[in-house]
Structures are given as structure tokens and as C-alpha cells.
Amino acid sequence: MNADEYQVLASRTLIDRPDFDIADNDMMIVWNALGLAGEAGECVDAIKKGILHQHGLDYEKLVRELGDVMWYVAAIATKIDVSLSEIMEVNIDKLRHRYPDGYKPTDSARRVDVVVA
């Protein structure tokens, strides 16, 4: 499955409006952004407990949580009418500009992609 196929299939479970009296698209972006933050937190918590609490990393749980993160990323992309492929391309272009020869700490500190006013 490619990213765009995933986005279309995931969008079947999007809701148009919350269960309360706010219906604009911006509120749904907020709703999905909060969901993304929550699911990212669940990923971090699974890693923290697995490694720092020495419970052992549960890869199956982590994969499920990463899937939830991906769902929210796809939801936000759909709400702003951008494909996951475009987002991925923009990110790779940014990384190529920032790290033309692969990651180097000096390139990270220099941040050529950030314009200082």
C-alpha cells in the first residue's frame, strides 16, 4: 500500500463534524491535531515504559500506536486537501537541503533551511 492509498482508506472513518455544535473545517483540524498529539504521547509512553522502566519494548503495541499517529496525520492532510505524497516530498526536499550529504551535527547546528530575520 502506498501513502495515498492509505490516506483514501483512512479517510473513510473521518467525521464531518464533532458531536457538539461546532462544524467548521478548522475545528476538525484542531480535533485531529489534538488526537495526533495524544497518540504521539502514547508512542512515547510505550517506549519510555519499555526502555526506561525496563518492561521490554512491545513492538506490536508500538506499531498499533504508530498506526494511530498515521491515521491522524492522514486526517489532517485530508482536511487541508494535501496528499500524504506531497507532504512526504516536501519533507524529503527539506531534509536534502538541510543535510545534503546525510546527517552531520554541523549541518544540524547551522540550519541552512531556517531564515533568521
N, C-alpha and C. Protein backbone atom coordinates (compact mmCIF):
# COMPACT_ATOMS: atom_id res chain seq x y z
N MET A 1 0.85 -1.17 0.00
CA MET A 1 0.00 0.00 0.00
C MET A 1 0.89 1.23 0.00
N ASN A 2 0.52 2.23 -0.80
CA ASN A 2 1.30 3.46 -0.75
C ASN A 2 0.58 4.49 0.12
N ALA A 3 1.25 5.60 0.37
CA ALA A 3 0.73 6.60 1.30
C ALA A 3 -0.61 7.17 0.85
N ASP A 4 -0.76 7.40 -0.44
CA ASP A 4 -2.01 7.99 -0.92
C ASP A 4 -3.18 7.00 -0.82
N GLU A 5 -2.91 5.73 -1.08
CA GLU A 5 -3.95 4.72 -0.89
C GLU A 5 -4.37 4.67 0.58
N TYR A 6 -3.36 4.70 1.47
CA TYR A 6 -3.65 4.71 2.90
C TYR A 6 -4.54 5.90 3.25
N GLN A 7 -4.18 7.08 2.74
CA GLN A 7 -4.94 8.29 3.06
C GLN A 7 -6.40 8.15 2.65
N VAL A 8 -6.65 7.63 1.45
CA VAL A 8 -8.03 7.45 0.97
C VAL A 8 -8.78 6.46 1.86
N LEU A 9 -8.15 5.34 2.17
CA LEU A 9 -8.82 4.33 3.00
C LEU A 9 -9.05 4.84 4.42
N ALA A 10 -8.09 5.55 4.98
CA ALA A 10 -8.25 6.08 6.34
C ALA A 10 -9.33 7.14 6.39
N SER A 11 -9.49 7.91 5.31
CA SER A 11 -10.47 9.00 5.32
C SER A 11 -11.91 8.49 5.39
N ARG A 12 -12.13 7.20 5.14
CA ARG A 12 -13.48 6.65 5.27
C ARG A 12 -14.01 6.78 6.69
N THR A 13 -13.10 6.87 7.66
CA THR A 13 -13.53 6.92 9.06
C THR A 13 -13.49 8.32 9.64
N LEU A 14 -13.25 9.33 8.80
CA LEU A 14 -13.30 10.71 9.27
C LEU A 14 -14.75 11.12 9.51
N ILE A 15 -14.96 11.98 10.48
CA ILE A 15 -16.28 12.56 10.67
C ILE A 15 -16.26 13.96 10.09
N ASP A 16 -17.42 14.45 9.66
CA ASP A 16 -17.52 15.80 9.10
C ASP A 16 -17.58 16.86 10.18
N ARG A 17 -18.11 16.49 11.32
CA ARG A 17 -18.29 17.46 12.39
C ARG A 17 -18.27 16.75 13.72
N PRO A 18 -17.87 17.46 14.76
CA PRO A 18 -17.89 16.85 16.09
C PRO A 18 -19.32 16.65 16.58
N ASP A 19 -19.45 15.97 17.69
CA ASP A 19 -20.76 15.69 18.26
C ASP A 19 -21.36 16.87 19.00
N PHE A 20 -20.71 18.02 18.94
CA PHE A 20 -21.23 19.22 19.58
C PHE A 20 -21.40 20.31 18.52
N ASP A 21 -21.78 21.48 18.90
CA ASP A 21 -22.25 22.50 17.96
C ASP A 21 -21.13 23.36 17.35
N ILE A 22 -20.11 22.73 16.78
CA ILE A 22 -19.09 23.45 16.02
C ILE A 22 -18.85 22.62 14.77
N ALA A 23 -18.98 23.23 13.61
CA ALA A 23 -18.94 22.43 12.40
C ALA A 23 -17.91 22.86 11.37
N ASP A 24 -17.12 23.87 11.64
CA ASP A 24 -16.23 24.31 10.57
C ASP A 24 -15.00 23.42 10.45
N ASN A 25 -14.38 23.46 9.29
CA ASN A 25 -13.22 22.62 8.98
C ASN A 25 -12.06 22.89 9.92
N ASP A 26 -11.86 24.15 10.31
CA ASP A 26 -10.75 24.47 11.22
C ASP A 26 -10.88 23.73 12.54
N MET A 27 -12.10 23.60 13.05
CA MET A 27 -12.29 22.89 14.31
C MET A 27 -11.94 21.41 14.14
N MET A 28 -12.22 20.84 12.97
CA MET A 28 -11.86 19.44 12.75
C MET A 28 -10.35 19.29 12.65
N ILE A 29 -9.66 20.31 12.13
CA ILE A 29 -8.20 20.27 12.11
C ILE A 29 -7.67 20.28 13.55
N VAL A 30 -8.26 21.13 14.40
CA VAL A 30 -7.87 21.18 15.81
C VAL A 30 -8.14 19.82 16.46
N TRP A 31 -9.31 19.26 16.23
CA TRP A 31 -9.69 17.97 16.79
C TRP A 31 -8.64 16.91 16.43
N ASN A 32 -8.27 16.86 15.14
CA ASN A 32 -7.31 15.86 14.69
C ASN A 32 -5.89 16.16 15.18
N ALA A 33 -5.53 17.43 15.30
CA ALA A 33 -4.21 17.77 15.83
C ALA A 33 -4.08 17.33 17.28
N LEU A 34 -5.14 17.51 18.06
CA LEU A 34 -5.12 17.06 19.45
C LEU A 34 -5.04 15.53 19.52
N GLY A 35 -5.75 14.87 18.61
CA GLY A 35 -5.65 13.41 18.55
C GLY A 35 -4.25 12.95 18.20
N LEU A 36 -3.62 13.65 17.26
CA LEU A 36 -2.25 13.34 16.86
C LEU A 36 -1.30 13.47 18.06
N ALA A 37 -1.44 14.56 18.79
CA ALA A 37 -0.59 14.77 19.97
C ALA A 37 -0.80 13.66 21.00
N GLY A 38 -2.04 13.29 21.21
CA GLY A 38 -2.34 12.22 22.18
C GLY A 38 -1.75 10.89 21.77
N GLU A 39 -1.89 10.55 20.49
CA GLU A 39 -1.35 9.27 20.01
C GLU A 39 0.17 9.28 20.01
N ALA A 40 0.78 10.43 19.67
CA ALA A 40 2.25 10.54 19.74
C ALA A 40 2.70 10.32 21.19
N GLY A 41 1.94 10.87 22.12
CA GLY A 41 2.24 10.66 23.54
C GLY A 41 2.15 9.20 23.92
N GLU A 42 1.18 8.48 23.37
CA GLU A 42 1.08 7.05 23.66
C GLU A 42 2.28 6.28 23.12
N CYS A 43 2.79 6.69 21.95
CA CYS A 43 4.02 6.08 21.41
C CYS A 43 5.19 6.32 22.35
N VAL A 44 5.34 7.56 22.77
CA VAL A 44 6.43 7.92 23.67
C VAL A 44 6.31 7.15 24.98
N ASP A 45 5.10 7.04 25.51
CA ASP A 45 4.90 6.33 26.76
C ASP A 45 5.25 4.85 26.64
N ALA A 46 4.88 4.24 25.51
CA ALA A 46 5.22 2.83 25.30
C ALA A 46 6.73 2.64 25.24
N ILE A 47 7.43 3.56 24.60
CA ILE A 47 8.89 3.49 24.52
C ILE A 47 9.51 3.74 25.90
N LYS A 48 9.00 4.74 26.61
CA LYS A 48 9.51 5.06 27.96
C LYS A 48 9.38 3.85 28.88
N LYS A 49 8.19 3.26 28.92
CA LYS A 49 7.97 2.12 29.81
C LYS A 49 8.80 0.92 29.37
N GLY A 50 8.88 0.73 28.06
CA GLY A 50 9.63 -0.41 27.56
C GLY A 50 11.11 -0.33 27.85
N ILE A 51 11.68 0.87 27.67
CA ILE A 51 13.13 1.00 27.81
C ILE A 51 13.53 1.52 29.19
N LEU A 52 13.00 2.66 29.60
CA LEU A 52 13.44 3.25 30.86
C LEU A 52 12.89 2.52 32.08
N HIS A 53 11.66 2.01 31.99
CA HIS A 53 11.11 1.24 33.10
C HIS A 53 11.50 -0.23 33.00
N GLN A 54 12.20 -0.57 31.93
CA GLN A 54 12.73 -1.91 31.70
C GLN A 54 11.65 -2.99 31.63
N HIS A 55 10.50 -2.64 31.02
CA HIS A 55 9.43 -3.63 30.83
C HIS A 55 9.64 -4.42 29.55
N GLY A 56 10.55 -3.98 28.72
CA GLY A 56 10.74 -4.58 27.40
C GLY A 56 9.84 -3.87 26.40
N LEU A 57 10.40 -3.54 25.26
CA LEU A 57 9.65 -2.81 24.25
C LEU A 57 8.67 -3.73 23.55
N ASP A 58 7.40 -3.37 23.61
CA ASP A 58 6.33 -4.14 22.97
C ASP A 58 6.15 -3.60 21.56
N TYR A 59 6.79 -4.25 20.60
CA TYR A 59 6.77 -3.77 19.22
C TYR A 59 5.37 -3.79 18.62
N GLU A 60 4.58 -4.78 18.96
CA GLU A 60 3.22 -4.84 18.42
C GLU A 60 2.40 -3.65 18.90
N LYS A 61 2.50 -3.31 20.17
CA LYS A 61 1.79 -2.15 20.70
C LYS A 61 2.29 -0.87 20.04
N LEU A 62 3.61 -0.76 19.89
CA LEU A 62 4.18 0.43 19.27
C LEU A 62 3.70 0.57 17.82
N VAL A 63 3.63 -0.52 17.09
CA VAL A 63 3.14 -0.48 15.71
C VAL A 63 1.69 -0.02 15.68
N ARG A 64 0.87 -0.52 16.61
CA ARG A 64 -0.54 -0.08 16.66
C ARG A 64 -0.64 1.41 16.95
N GLU A 65 0.17 1.89 17.89
CA GLU A 65 0.14 3.32 18.23
C GLU A 65 0.65 4.17 17.06
N LEU A 66 1.70 3.71 16.39
CA LEU A 66 2.18 4.44 15.21
C LEU A 66 1.12 4.47 14.11
N GLY A 67 0.34 3.41 14.01
CA GLY A 67 -0.78 3.41 13.06
C GLY A 67 -1.80 4.48 13.41
N ASP A 68 -2.06 4.66 14.70
CA ASP A 68 -2.98 5.72 15.13
C ASP A 68 -2.41 7.10 14.82
N VAL A 69 -1.10 7.27 15.01
CA VAL A 69 -0.45 8.53 14.65
C VAL A 69 -0.64 8.78 13.16
N MET A 70 -0.40 7.74 12.37
CA MET A 70 -0.53 7.86 10.91
C MET A 70 -1.95 8.23 10.52
N TRP A 71 -2.95 7.67 11.21
CA TRP A 71 -4.34 7.99 10.90
C TRP A 71 -4.59 9.48 11.09
N TYR A 72 -4.11 10.04 12.19
CA TYR A 72 -4.33 11.46 12.45
C TYR A 72 -3.56 12.34 11.46
N VAL A 73 -2.35 11.94 11.07
CA VAL A 73 -1.62 12.70 10.06
C VAL A 73 -2.42 12.69 8.75
N ALA A 74 -2.93 11.52 8.36
CA ALA A 74 -3.73 11.42 7.14
C ALA A 74 -5.01 12.25 7.26
N ALA A 75 -5.61 12.26 8.43
CA ALA A 75 -6.85 13.03 8.64
C ALA A 75 -6.59 14.52 8.45
N ILE A 76 -5.52 15.02 9.04
CA ILE A 76 -5.20 16.45 8.89
C ILE A 76 -4.87 16.76 7.43
N ALA A 77 -4.10 15.90 6.80
CA ALA A 77 -3.78 16.10 5.38
C ALA A 77 -5.04 16.17 4.54
N THR A 78 -5.97 15.28 4.81
CA THR A 78 -7.23 15.27 4.06
C THR A 78 -8.01 16.55 4.29
N LYS A 79 -8.07 17.01 5.54
CA LYS A 79 -8.82 18.23 5.86
C LYS A 79 -8.22 19.47 5.21
N ILE A 80 -6.90 19.48 4.99
CA ILE A 80 -6.28 20.64 4.34
C ILE A 80 -6.06 20.39 2.84
N ASP A 81 -6.60 19.28 2.36
CA ASP A 81 -6.60 18.95 0.93
C ASP A 81 -5.18 18.83 0.36
N VAL A 82 -4.33 18.08 1.08
CA VAL A 82 -2.97 17.82 0.64
C VAL A 82 -2.74 16.31 0.73
N SER A 83 -2.08 15.75 -0.28
CA SER A 83 -1.82 14.31 -0.25
C SER A 83 -0.63 14.01 0.66
N LEU A 84 -0.65 12.80 1.20
CA LEU A 84 0.49 12.36 2.00
C LEU A 84 1.76 12.33 1.15
N SER A 85 1.61 12.00 -0.13
CA SER A 85 2.78 12.00 -1.02
C SER A 85 3.41 13.38 -1.10
N GLU A 86 2.58 14.42 -1.21
CA GLU A 86 3.11 15.77 -1.26
C GLU A 86 3.83 16.14 0.03
N ILE A 87 3.23 15.78 1.15
CA ILE A 87 3.86 16.05 2.45
C ILE A 87 5.21 15.34 2.54
N MET A 88 5.25 14.09 2.10
CA MET A 88 6.48 13.32 2.14
C MET A 88 7.54 13.95 1.23
N GLU A 89 7.14 14.38 0.04
CA GLU A 89 8.09 15.02 -0.89
C GLU A 89 8.64 16.32 -0.31
N VAL A 90 7.77 17.15 0.27
CA VAL A 90 8.22 18.41 0.86
C VAL A 90 9.22 18.13 1.98
N ASN A 91 8.95 17.10 2.79
CA ASN A 91 9.85 16.77 3.88
C ASN A 91 11.20 16.29 3.37
N ILE A 92 11.20 15.45 2.35
CA ILE A 92 12.47 14.96 1.79
C ILE A 92 13.25 16.11 1.18
N ASP A 93 12.57 17.02 0.47
CA ASP A 93 13.26 18.19 -0.08
C ASP A 93 13.91 19.01 1.03
N LYS A 94 13.19 19.20 2.13
CA LYS A 94 13.74 19.95 3.27
C LYS A 94 14.97 19.24 3.83
N LEU A 95 14.88 17.92 3.99
CA LEU A 95 16.00 17.16 4.53
C LEU A 95 17.21 17.18 3.59
N ARG A 96 16.95 17.10 2.29
CA ARG A 96 18.06 17.17 1.32
C ARG A 96 18.76 18.53 1.39
N HIS A 97 17.98 19.58 1.56
CA HIS A 97 18.55 20.92 1.66
C HIS A 97 19.34 21.07 2.97
N ARG A 98 18.77 20.60 4.05
CA ARG A 98 19.40 20.74 5.36
C ARG A 98 20.61 19.83 5.51
N TYR A 99 20.51 18.63 4.99
CA TYR A 99 21.58 17.63 5.14
C TYR A 99 21.97 17.08 3.76
N PRO A 100 22.66 17.87 2.94
CA PRO A 100 22.95 17.46 1.57
C PRO A 100 23.79 16.19 1.47
N ASP A 101 24.59 15.90 2.47
CA ASP A 101 25.45 14.71 2.45
C ASP A 101 25.07 13.72 3.55
N GLY A 102 23.82 13.71 3.95
CA GLY A 102 23.39 12.89 5.07
C GLY A 102 23.56 13.68 6.36
N TYR A 103 23.05 13.15 7.45
CA TYR A 103 23.08 13.88 8.72
C TYR A 103 24.51 14.12 9.19
N LYS A 104 24.76 15.36 9.57
CA LYS A 104 26.01 15.75 10.22
C LYS A 104 25.64 16.77 11.29
N PRO A 105 26.21 16.62 12.49
CA PRO A 105 25.89 17.58 13.56
C PRO A 105 26.15 19.03 13.16
N THR A 106 27.18 19.28 12.36
CA THR A 106 27.47 20.65 11.94
C THR A 106 26.34 21.21 11.08
N ASP A 107 25.78 20.38 10.20
CA ASP A 107 24.65 20.83 9.38
C ASP A 107 23.42 21.08 10.25
N SER A 108 23.25 20.26 11.27
CA SER A 108 22.12 20.43 12.17
C SER A 108 22.21 21.76 12.91
N ALA A 109 23.40 22.10 13.37
CA ALA A 109 23.59 23.35 14.10
C ALA A 109 23.46 24.56 13.18
N ARG A 110 23.85 24.41 11.95
CA ARG A 110 23.88 25.53 11.01
C ARG A 110 22.50 25.85 10.43
N ARG A 111 21.63 24.87 10.29
CA ARG A 111 20.24 25.03 9.83
C ARG A 111 20.10 25.97 8.64
N VAL A 112 20.64 25.57 7.50
CA VAL A 112 20.58 26.40 6.30
C VAL A 112 19.16 26.63 5.80
N ASP A 113 18.22 25.81 6.25
CA ASP A 113 16.84 25.94 5.80
C ASP A 113 16.03 26.94 6.60
N VAL A 114 16.61 27.51 7.65
CA VAL A 114 15.90 28.47 8.51
C VAL A 114 16.46 29.86 8.25
N VAL A 115 15.57 30.76 7.87
CA VAL A 115 15.97 32.14 7.61
C VAL A 115 15.79 32.94 8.89
N VAL A 116 16.86 33.58 9.34
CA VAL A 116 16.80 34.42 10.53
C VAL A 116 16.57 35.85 10.11
N ALA A 117 15.52 36.46 10.65
CA ALA A 117 15.19 37.84 10.27
C ALA A 117 15.99 38.85 11.03
